[in-house]
């Protein structure tokens, strides 16, 4: 890879808990979590550097390919803006006369499993700059690189468009929720505690051997999918949230076979599923762990949330509107799965020359 462009480690000499003056400025600071969560492009960030932070780091340009070498090994994503990142991340900027950025991204995606295996077995799984400098990848001519990348990018672009449509659709439903049930709430609406409206249980741990790379069903945790398995706990419509660690993320499941891990709480609304879903989304669950030694939310915390409940007529009207929104979202999700499967099938065939492009 070193022959195809600039390949360097990121730079950050201090950890956040020891140097608060480095943070809170205008320079995005990307960490391994943002790279793992990104779908090809990094479009959001949680922290920023100040001028002092930038002085002890480096600002990488938009279009840099980021590669994690510690914690989440060999995760890949491309910066969609200028940003800094620590030495647990490699930055690659291709020589445009030799390599196409998208092609390099898809090549590393193709070899991602092998790269992850290289880093396994140490005290803390990791790989280093030398790993990538020494690995030889099959690189066709630049025109062929661009042709291969164009095919795969067109599928990713369509997938990204559908994801953005879904985000906008859900935002529409949430906007209506806030308008009807927050901004236009009536004083004569009755107050209930959440325990009257839901049932709630904890998820269940799964043995390590049950994690199967190409398993049939997702294992869902506090941040979404954390693995695959051939077993499932639930096959129904329900809501879940993180119980420990990252709090405040609310997810809904639409009658799909899943395993929900023991760091989640599973919530079944007795009625008015969409209303409860958006209510939880607006309840700032992350604020309920005050005083805990680690971020933690208990079933009792959720049960005691007070709910201002409108008339059944209003609730039914909102449910009908939101159901239509989520039917469209589910249709888009089906298309996303189809396009993702097509892309994942084409990727190895294009990379090994089984399928050629003109």
Protein backbone atom coordinates (compact mmCIF):
# COMPACT_ATOMS: atom_id res chain seq x y z
CA UNK A 1 0.00 0.00 0.00
CA UNK A 2 2.88 2.35 0.72
CA UNK A 3 3.68 2.34 -3.03
CA UNK A 4 0.21 3.67 -3.90
CA UNK A 5 0.07 6.82 -1.80
CA UNK A 6 0.64 8.31 1.64
CA UNK A 7 0.08 5.88 4.53
CA UNK A 8 0.63 7.19 8.08
CA UNK A 9 -0.65 6.77 11.61
CA UNK A 10 -2.88 9.39 13.12
CA UNK A 11 -1.57 11.55 15.93
CA UNK A 12 -2.91 12.40 19.38
CA UNK A 13 -0.60 12.61 22.39
CA UNK A 14 -3.22 12.91 25.12
CA UNK A 15 -6.31 11.08 26.27
CA UNK A 16 -9.51 13.13 26.80
CA UNK A 17 -9.70 12.53 30.55
CA UNK A 18 -6.24 14.05 31.10
CA UNK A 19 -6.30 17.08 28.78
CA UNK A 20 -9.68 18.77 28.61
CA UNK A 21 -8.20 21.94 27.10
CA UNK A 22 -7.56 20.03 23.86
CA UNK A 23 -11.27 19.61 23.16
CA UNK A 24 -14.32 21.66 22.25
CA UNK A 25 -12.99 23.59 19.24
CA UNK A 26 -13.85 23.57 15.55
CA UNK A 27 -11.74 20.62 14.35
CA UNK A 28 -13.55 17.25 14.13
CA UNK A 29 -11.81 14.49 16.08
CA UNK A 30 -12.61 10.99 14.79
CA UNK A 31 -12.12 7.82 16.84
CA UNK A 32 -12.38 4.11 16.05
CA UNK A 33 -16.08 3.99 17.02
CA UNK A 34 -17.09 6.49 14.34
CA UNK A 35 -15.18 4.51 11.72
CA UNK A 36 -16.84 1.25 12.77
CA UNK A 37 -20.31 2.81 12.69
CA UNK A 38 -19.85 4.52 9.29
CA UNK A 39 -21.20 3.07 6.05
CA UNK A 40 -18.27 3.82 3.70
CA UNK A 41 -18.20 7.56 4.50
CA UNK A 42 -17.72 9.16 7.93
CA UNK A 43 -20.40 11.84 8.09
CA UNK A 44 -20.66 12.59 11.81
CA UNK A 45 -18.44 13.03 14.85
CA UNK A 46 -18.86 13.30 18.62
CA UNK A 47 -15.77 15.29 19.65
CA UNK A 48 -13.78 18.22 18.35
CA UNK A 49 -10.28 19.56 18.94
CA UNK A 50 -9.41 23.10 19.96
CA UNK A 51 -6.43 24.97 18.50
CA UNK A 52 -4.30 23.37 21.25
CA UNK A 53 -5.67 19.96 20.27
CA UNK A 54 -4.77 20.52 16.64
CA UNK A 55 -1.20 21.52 17.56
CA UNK A 56 -0.51 18.06 19.03
CA UNK A 57 -2.36 16.22 16.25
CA UNK A 58 -2.75 16.43 12.48
CA UNK A 59 -5.64 17.56 10.27
CA UNK A 60 -6.31 14.99 7.55
CA UNK A 61 -8.14 16.13 4.40
CA UNK A 62 -11.58 15.07 3.21
CA UNK A 63 -11.18 11.90 1.14
CA UNK A 64 -8.69 10.24 3.50
CA UNK A 65 -9.28 6.50 3.92
CA UNK A 66 -9.28 5.71 7.66
CA UNK A 67 -8.23 2.22 8.84
CA UNK A 68 -8.49 1.18 12.49
CA UNK A 69 -5.51 -0.73 13.91
CA UNK A 70 -6.62 -1.11 17.55
CA UNK A 71 -9.89 -1.84 19.39
CA UNK A 72 -12.06 -2.41 16.31
CA UNK A 73 -9.42 -3.87 13.97
CA UNK A 74 -9.43 -3.22 10.20
CA UNK A 75 -12.63 -1.16 10.14
CA UNK A 76 -12.69 1.15 7.12
CA UNK A 77 -14.33 4.43 6.18
CA UNK A 78 -13.57 7.55 4.16
CA UNK A 79 -13.57 11.04 5.71
CA UNK A 80 -16.36 13.24 4.40
CA UNK A 81 -14.71 16.32 5.96
CA UNK A 82 -11.28 17.39 7.23
CA UNK A 83 -10.59 15.77 10.61
CA UNK A 84 -8.01 14.64 13.17
CA UNK A 85 -7.70 11.10 14.52
CA UNK A 86 -5.45 9.27 17.03
CA UNK A 87 -2.63 6.78 16.40
CA UNK A 88 -5.11 3.89 16.68
CA UNK A 89 -6.12 4.86 13.12
CA UNK A 90 -4.14 4.84 9.88
CA UNK A 91 -4.75 7.45 7.21
CA UNK A 92 -4.28 6.66 3.51
CA UNK A 93 -4.29 9.26 0.72
CA UNK A 94 -3.87 7.64 -2.72
CA UNK A 95 -1.54 8.83 -5.47
CA UNK A 96 -4.23 9.62 -8.05
CA UNK A 97 -1.94 8.59 -10.90
CA UNK A 98 -1.64 5.06 -9.46
CA UNK A 99 -4.70 4.30 -7.34
CA UNK A 100 -8.39 5.08 -7.14
CA UNK A 101 -9.62 5.83 -3.60
CA UNK A 102 -12.87 3.86 -3.94
CA UNK A 103 -11.04 0.87 -5.40
CA UNK A 104 -8.59 0.79 -2.48
CA UNK A 105 -11.52 0.99 -0.05
CA UNK A 106 -13.25 -1.98 -1.73
CA UNK A 107 -9.98 -3.93 -1.97
CA UNK A 108 -9.41 -3.60 1.78
CA UNK A 109 -13.05 -4.49 2.38
CA UNK A 110 -12.49 -7.66 0.36
CA UNK A 111 -9.43 -8.58 2.46
CA UNK A 112 -10.92 -7.32 5.75
CA UNK A 113 -11.38 -10.77 7.27
CA UNK A 114 -7.73 -11.66 6.68
CA UNK A 115 -6.60 -8.34 8.14
CA UNK A 116 -8.65 -8.91 11.28
CA UNK A 117 -7.12 -12.36 11.73
CA UNK A 118 -3.60 -10.90 11.54
CA UNK A 119 -4.33 -8.79 14.60
CA UNK A 120 -5.86 -11.53 16.73
CA UNK A 121 -4.06 -13.25 19.58
CA UNK A 122 -2.17 -10.36 21.19
CA UNK A 123 -3.03 -9.11 24.69
CA UNK A 124 -5.15 -6.48 23.01
CA UNK A 125 -6.02 -7.25 19.41
CA UNK A 126 -4.19 -4.83 17.13
CA UNK A 127 -2.21 -4.47 13.92
CA UNK A 128 0.35 -1.83 12.97
CA UNK A 129 1.53 0.40 10.17
CA UNK A 130 4.04 -2.22 9.02
CA UNK A 131 1.23 -4.71 8.45
CA UNK A 132 -0.19 -2.52 5.69
CA UNK A 133 3.17 -1.40 4.35
CA UNK A 134 4.24 -5.01 3.78
CA UNK A 135 1.01 -6.52 2.42
CA UNK A 136 0.86 -6.81 -1.38
CA UNK A 137 -2.58 -6.34 -2.94
CA UNK A 138 -3.55 -7.21 -6.54
CA UNK A 139 -3.88 -3.83 -8.27
CA UNK A 140 -5.11 -3.67 -11.90
CA UNK A 141 -4.63 -0.70 -14.21
CA UNK A 142 -6.10 2.63 -13.09
CA UNK A 143 -8.93 2.57 -15.69
CA UNK A 144 -9.97 -0.91 -14.51
CA UNK A 145 -9.76 0.20 -10.87
CA UNK A 146 -12.15 3.05 -11.64
CA UNK A 147 -14.55 0.78 -13.55
CA UNK A 148 -14.72 -1.74 -10.70
CA UNK A 149 -15.13 1.03 -8.13
CA UNK A 150 -17.86 2.68 -10.21
CA UNK A 151 -20.01 -0.47 -10.19
CA UNK A 152 -19.67 -1.01 -6.46
CA UNK A 153 -20.04 2.71 -5.65
CA UNK A 154 -23.30 2.93 -7.61
CA UNK A 155 -24.75 0.21 -5.37
CA UNK A 156 -23.45 1.92 -2.23
CA UNK A 157 -24.89 5.25 -3.42
CA UNK A 158 -28.33 3.68 -3.81
CA UNK A 159 -28.04 2.04 -0.39
CA UNK A 160 -27.03 5.38 1.15
CA UNK A 161 -29.96 7.14 -0.55
CA UNK A 162 -32.40 4.62 0.92
CA UNK A 163 -30.85 5.03 4.38
CA UNK A 164 -31.25 8.81 4.10
CA UNK A 165 -34.85 8.44 2.93
CA UNK A 166 -35.57 6.28 5.98
CA UNK A 167 -33.97 8.82 8.30
CA UNK A 168 -36.10 11.59 6.79
CA UNK A 169 -39.27 9.50 7.01
CA UNK A 170 -38.71 8.73 10.68
CA UNK A 171 -37.93 12.40 11.31
CA UNK A 172 -41.31 13.30 9.80
CA UNK A 173 -43.08 10.97 12.23
CA UNK A 174 -41.05 12.29 15.17
CA UNK A 175 -41.84 15.89 14.20
CA UNK A 176 -45.54 15.09 14.25
CA UNK A 177 -45.13 13.35 17.62
CA UNK A 178 -43.47 16.41 19.14
CA UNK A 179 -46.08 18.72 17.68
CA UNK A 180 -49.09 16.73 18.88
CA UNK A 181 -47.85 15.39 22.21
CA UNK A 182 -45.31 17.97 23.41
CA UNK A 183 -45.99 21.38 21.90
CA UNK A 184 -49.79 21.00 21.79
CA UNK A 185 -50.22 18.89 24.93
CA UNK A 186 -53.38 19.70 26.91
CA UNK A 187 -53.54 20.29 30.65
CA UNK A 188 -56.52 17.97 31.02
CA UNK A 189 -54.67 14.95 29.63
CA UNK A 190 -54.23 12.23 32.23
CA UNK A 191 -50.80 11.38 33.71
CA UNK A 192 -49.72 7.73 33.81
CA UNK A 193 -46.47 6.01 34.74
CA UNK A 194 -44.83 4.02 31.96
CA UNK A 195 -45.26 0.79 33.92
CA UNK A 196 -48.99 0.97 33.11
CA UNK A 197 -48.27 1.02 29.38
CA UNK A 198 -45.48 -1.54 28.85
CA UNK A 199 -43.94 -4.81 29.92
CA UNK A 200 -40.15 -4.89 30.20
CA UNK A 201 -37.45 -7.56 30.63
CA UNK A 202 -33.67 -7.83 30.22
CA UNK A 203 -32.00 -9.49 27.24
CA UNK A 204 -29.95 -12.65 27.58
CA UNK A 205 -26.24 -13.41 27.25
CA UNK A 206 -25.03 -15.63 24.44
CA UNK A 207 -22.13 -18.12 24.58
CA UNK A 208 -19.04 -17.19 22.57
CA UNK A 209 -19.39 -20.27 20.36
CA UNK A 210 -22.86 -19.11 19.32
CA UNK A 211 -21.36 -16.09 17.53
CA UNK A 212 -21.23 -17.25 13.91
CA UNK A 213 -19.69 -15.01 11.26
CA UNK A 214 -22.36 -15.75 8.66
CA UNK A 215 -25.16 -16.54 11.08
CA UNK A 216 -28.78 -16.27 10.02
CA UNK A 217 -29.91 -13.80 12.68
CA UNK A 218 -28.46 -10.58 14.15
CA UNK A 219 -27.29 -10.35 17.76
CA UNK A 220 -28.38 -6.90 18.90
CA UNK A 221 -26.79 -4.93 21.72
CA UNK A 222 -26.86 -1.39 23.11
CA UNK A 223 -25.45 0.05 19.86
CA UNK A 224 -27.20 -2.17 17.34
CA UNK A 225 -25.86 -5.33 15.71
CA UNK A 226 -22.84 -6.84 17.49
CA UNK A 227 -22.65 -10.20 15.70
CA UNK A 228 -24.59 -13.02 14.02
CA UNK A 229 -25.99 -16.31 15.27
CA UNK A 230 -28.17 -19.21 14.17
CA UNK A 231 -30.29 -18.89 17.32
CA UNK A 232 -32.95 -16.30 18.09
CA UNK A 233 -34.86 -15.11 21.15
CA UNK A 234 -37.56 -12.97 19.60
CA UNK A 235 -39.66 -12.88 16.47
CA UNK A 236 -42.12 -10.10 17.15
CA UNK A 237 -42.63 -6.34 17.13
CA UNK A 238 -40.81 -4.78 20.08
CA UNK A 239 -38.57 -1.95 21.30
CA UNK A 240 -35.18 -2.24 22.99
CA UNK A 241 -32.61 0.07 24.55
CA UNK A 242 -29.14 -0.18 26.08
CA UNK A 243 -29.09 -1.20 29.75
CA UNK A 244 -25.37 -0.63 30.42
CA UNK A 245 -22.60 1.26 28.64
CA UNK A 246 -24.09 3.44 25.92
CA UNK A 247 -27.53 4.58 27.03
CA UNK A 248 -30.32 6.43 25.29
CA UNK A 249 -30.31 4.52 21.98
CA UNK A 250 -33.85 3.34 21.21
CA UNK A 251 -34.45 0.71 18.53
CA UNK A 252 -37.59 -0.89 17.14
CA UNK A 253 -37.87 -4.36 15.64
CA UNK A 254 -40.58 -5.21 13.13
CA UNK A 255 -41.36 -8.93 13.53
CA UNK A 256 -37.83 -10.13 12.78
CA UNK A 257 -35.89 -13.04 14.28
CA UNK A 258 -33.18 -11.58 16.54
CA UNK A 259 -31.14 -12.30 19.65
CA UNK A 260 -31.11 -9.43 22.16
CA UNK A 261 -28.01 -9.40 24.39
CA UNK A 262 -27.93 -9.02 28.16
CA UNK A 263 -26.86 -5.37 27.91
CA UNK A 264 -30.32 -4.47 26.60
CA UNK A 265 -33.80 -3.96 27.99
CA UNK A 266 -36.70 -5.28 25.91
CA UNK A 267 -39.89 -3.22 25.97
CA UNK A 268 -43.29 -4.42 24.77
CA UNK A 269 -45.93 -1.67 24.57
CA UNK A 270 -49.34 -2.95 25.63
CA UNK A 271 -50.89 -0.50 23.15
CA UNK A 272 -49.89 2.38 20.88
CA UNK A 273 -46.52 1.01 19.78
CA UNK A 274 -45.44 4.06 17.76
CA UNK A 275 -46.41 6.50 20.50
CA UNK A 276 -44.34 4.59 23.09
CA UNK A 277 -41.40 4.34 20.68
CA UNK A 278 -41.19 8.09 20.12
CA UNK A 279 -41.95 8.81 23.77
CA UNK A 280 -38.89 6.76 24.79
CA UNK A 281 -36.83 8.46 22.08
CA UNK A 282 -37.66 11.80 23.69
CA UNK A 283 -37.20 10.73 27.32
CA UNK A 284 -33.39 11.21 27.63
CA UNK A 285 -32.77 7.81 29.18
CA UNK A 286 -29.07 8.62 29.43
CA UNK A 287 -29.90 11.02 32.28
CA UNK A 288 -31.17 8.19 34.51
CA UNK A 289 -27.73 6.84 35.46
CA UNK A 290 -26.82 9.69 37.84
CA UNK A 291 -24.72 8.35 40.73
CA UNK A 292 -23.90 4.99 39.14
CA UNK A 293 -20.28 3.80 39.04
CA UNK A 294 -20.84 2.98 35.36
CA UNK A 295 -23.57 4.06 32.92
CA UNK A 296 -26.62 2.02 33.89
CA UNK A 297 -30.37 2.20 33.48
CA UNK A 298 -32.72 -0.13 35.33
CA UNK A 299 -36.15 -1.44 34.45
CA UNK A 300 -37.48 0.59 37.37
CA UNK A 301 -36.06 3.80 35.85
CA UNK A 302 -38.11 3.29 32.69
CA UNK A 303 -41.23 2.17 34.55
CA UNK A 304 -41.36 5.39 36.60
CA UNK A 305 -41.29 7.72 33.57
CA UNK A 306 -44.43 9.85 33.64
CA UNK A 307 -46.54 9.98 30.50
CA UNK A 308 -49.14 12.61 29.59
CA UNK A 309 -51.69 10.49 27.74
CA UNK A 310 -54.11 12.11 25.25
CA UNK A 311 -57.46 10.73 24.09
CA UNK A 312 -57.67 7.36 22.34
CA UNK A 313 -58.85 9.10 19.16
CA UNK A 314 -55.67 11.19 18.94
CA UNK A 315 -53.48 8.17 19.70
CA UNK A 316 -55.18 6.05 17.04
CA UNK A 317 -54.78 8.80 14.44
CA UNK A 318 -51.06 9.08 15.22
CA UNK A 319 -50.62 5.29 15.13
CA UNK A 320 -52.20 5.14 11.69
CA UNK A 321 -49.95 7.89 10.32
CA UNK A 322 -46.80 6.40 11.84
CA UNK A 323 -47.68 2.87 10.64
CA UNK A 324 -47.76 4.16 7.07
CA UNK A 325 -44.37 5.83 7.52
CA UNK A 326 -42.79 2.66 8.90
CA UNK A 327 -44.30 0.50 6.13
CA UNK A 328 -42.36 2.65 3.65
CA UNK A 329 -39.23 2.39 5.82
CA UNK A 330 -39.56 -1.40 5.92
CA UNK A 331 -39.92 -1.51 2.13
CA UNK A 332 -36.72 0.54 1.81
CA UNK A 333 -34.97 -1.79 4.27
CA UNK A 334 -35.87 -4.76 2.06
CA UNK A 335 -34.30 -2.97 -0.92
CA UNK A 336 -31.22 -2.17 1.17
CA UNK A 337 -30.76 -5.85 2.06
CA UNK A 338 -31.15 -6.87 -1.60
CA UNK A 339 -28.65 -4.28 -2.84
CA UNK A 340 -26.21 -5.10 -0.03
CA UNK A 341 -26.33 -8.79 -0.90
CA UNK A 342 -25.73 -7.97 -4.58
CA UNK A 343 -22.77 -5.73 -3.71
CA UNK A 344 -21.28 -8.34 -1.36
CA UNK A 345 -21.65 -11.02 -4.03
CA UNK A 346 -20.07 -8.87 -6.74
CA UNK A 347 -17.17 -7.63 -4.58
CA UNK A 348 -15.09 -10.84 -4.46
CA UNK A 349 -15.91 -11.71 -8.08
CA UNK A 350 -14.68 -8.32 -9.28
CA UNK A 351 -11.61 -8.41 -7.07
CA UNK A 352 -10.45 -11.89 -8.14
CA UNK A 353 -11.19 -11.33 -11.82
CA UNK A 354 -14.05 -13.82 -12.01
CA UNK A 355 -16.18 -10.95 -13.33
CA UNK A 356 -14.37 -8.49 -15.61
CA UNK A 357 -15.37 -4.96 -16.52
CA UNK A 358 -14.63 -3.26 -19.82
